[in-house]
């Protein structure tokens, strides 16, 4: 059985970084990758980028990290612009997809 997975999706790279900084300070999680997409409103969007952060850890740490990240992001953007998802354990082979993203770790 693989580690638990957390997914945070927010408007804005700086919001994602701030939220994950707080999440990583509150819980023992590892950021696997970040991905960026255009928001559904396109050029009309106030913040022109949607950022998804994929991170792993044990179940309790992922839950704490998601709660912390949501709270931190909500200080800058509306609750409706914050999406979090929790997977209690990875399916076999999912780890190959977790490190896929436009933003690469050195």
Protein backbone atom coordinates (compact mmCIF):
# COMPACT_ATOMS: atom_id res chain seq x y z
CA UNK A 1 0.00 0.00 0.00
CA UNK A 2 1.40 3.42 -1.03
CA UNK A 3 1.48 6.63 0.92
CA UNK A 4 -1.50 8.95 1.20
CA UNK A 5 -1.79 11.68 -1.42
CA UNK A 6 -2.93 15.28 -1.06
CA UNK A 7 -3.91 17.55 -3.92
CA UNK A 8 -4.25 21.31 -3.59
CA UNK A 9 -5.52 23.40 -6.49
CA UNK A 10 -5.64 27.19 -6.20
CA UNK A 11 -5.57 30.34 -8.27
CA UNK A 12 -2.08 31.85 -8.35
CA UNK A 13 1.45 30.53 -7.98
CA UNK A 14 2.18 32.73 -4.96
CA UNK A 15 -0.98 31.49 -3.23
CA UNK A 16 0.07 27.88 -3.86
CA UNK A 17 3.58 28.52 -2.54
CA UNK A 18 2.31 30.29 0.58
CA UNK A 19 -0.27 27.58 1.28
CA UNK A 20 2.23 24.76 0.83
CA UNK A 21 4.85 26.54 2.93
CA UNK A 22 2.39 26.57 5.80
CA UNK A 23 1.29 22.98 5.08
CA UNK A 24 4.89 21.70 5.10
CA UNK A 25 5.56 23.49 8.38
CA UNK A 26 2.45 21.95 9.97
CA UNK A 27 2.89 18.37 8.74
CA UNK A 28 5.52 15.96 7.49
CA UNK A 29 4.66 15.89 3.77
CA UNK A 30 6.72 15.76 0.59
CA UNK A 31 5.82 17.88 -2.42
CA UNK A 32 6.01 15.60 -5.45
CA UNK A 33 5.18 18.07 -8.23
CA UNK A 34 3.33 21.23 -9.21
CA UNK A 35 1.34 21.78 -12.35
CA UNK A 36 -0.07 24.95 -13.90
CA UNK A 37 -3.11 25.45 -16.12
CA UNK A 38 -5.24 28.32 -17.36
CA UNK A 39 -8.39 29.08 -15.35
CA UNK A 40 -11.76 28.37 -16.93
CA UNK A 41 -12.38 32.11 -17.35
CA UNK A 42 -9.22 32.42 -19.48
CA UNK A 43 -8.00 35.96 -20.14
CA UNK A 44 -10.87 37.37 -18.08
CA UNK A 45 -9.48 35.84 -14.87
CA UNK A 46 -8.20 38.14 -12.17
CA UNK A 47 -5.45 35.59 -11.47
CA UNK A 48 -4.40 34.00 -14.78
CA UNK A 49 -3.08 30.65 -13.54
CA UNK A 50 -4.42 27.62 -11.68
CA UNK A 51 -1.74 25.74 -9.74
CA UNK A 52 -2.07 22.16 -8.53
CA UNK A 53 0.34 20.81 -5.92
CA UNK A 54 0.68 17.04 -5.45
CA UNK A 55 2.15 15.85 -2.16
CA UNK A 56 2.53 12.64 -0.18
CA UNK A 57 2.83 11.53 3.43
CA UNK A 58 0.98 9.46 5.98
CA UNK A 59 -2.79 9.81 6.33
CA UNK A 60 -2.80 12.10 9.36
CA UNK A 61 -0.07 14.37 7.96
CA UNK A 62 -1.88 14.74 4.63
CA UNK A 63 -5.12 15.64 6.42
CA UNK A 64 -3.34 18.29 8.52
CA UNK A 65 -1.50 19.63 5.45
CA UNK A 66 -4.72 19.93 3.43
CA UNK A 67 -6.55 21.73 6.23
CA UNK A 68 -3.60 24.07 6.79
CA UNK A 69 -3.16 24.76 3.06
CA UNK A 70 -6.86 25.49 2.61
CA UNK A 71 -6.85 27.94 5.53
CA UNK A 72 -3.67 29.67 4.29
CA UNK A 73 -4.95 29.98 0.71
CA UNK A 74 -8.30 31.33 1.91
CA UNK A 75 -6.48 34.36 3.34
CA UNK A 76 -5.76 35.43 -0.27
CA UNK A 77 -8.47 33.92 -2.48
CA UNK A 78 -12.12 32.94 -2.12
CA UNK A 79 -13.03 29.52 -0.73
CA UNK A 80 -14.68 28.64 -4.06
CA UNK A 81 -11.28 28.97 -5.77
CA UNK A 82 -9.63 26.36 -3.53
CA UNK A 83 -9.91 22.66 -4.30
CA UNK A 84 -8.43 19.94 -2.09
CA UNK A 85 -8.52 16.20 -2.57
CA UNK A 86 -7.38 13.38 -0.31
CA UNK A 87 -6.41 9.83 -1.32
CA UNK A 88 -5.86 7.57 1.68
CA UNK A 89 -3.37 5.43 -0.25
CA UNK A 90 -1.93 5.31 -3.74
CA UNK A 91 -3.04 2.73 -6.22
CA UNK A 92 -0.18 0.73 -7.74
CA UNK A 93 1.49 2.77 -10.47
CA UNK A 94 0.10 6.13 -9.34
CA UNK A 95 3.53 7.26 -8.12
CA UNK A 96 4.60 7.55 -11.76
CA UNK A 97 1.94 10.20 -12.32
CA UNK A 98 2.58 12.13 -9.11
CA UNK A 99 5.86 13.62 -10.27
CA UNK A 100 4.40 14.70 -13.63
CA UNK A 101 3.94 18.44 -13.92
CA UNK A 102 5.04 21.61 -15.67
CA UNK A 103 7.01 22.86 -12.67
CA UNK A 104 10.05 20.61 -12.20
CA UNK A 105 12.07 20.00 -9.05
CA UNK A 106 15.83 20.44 -9.48
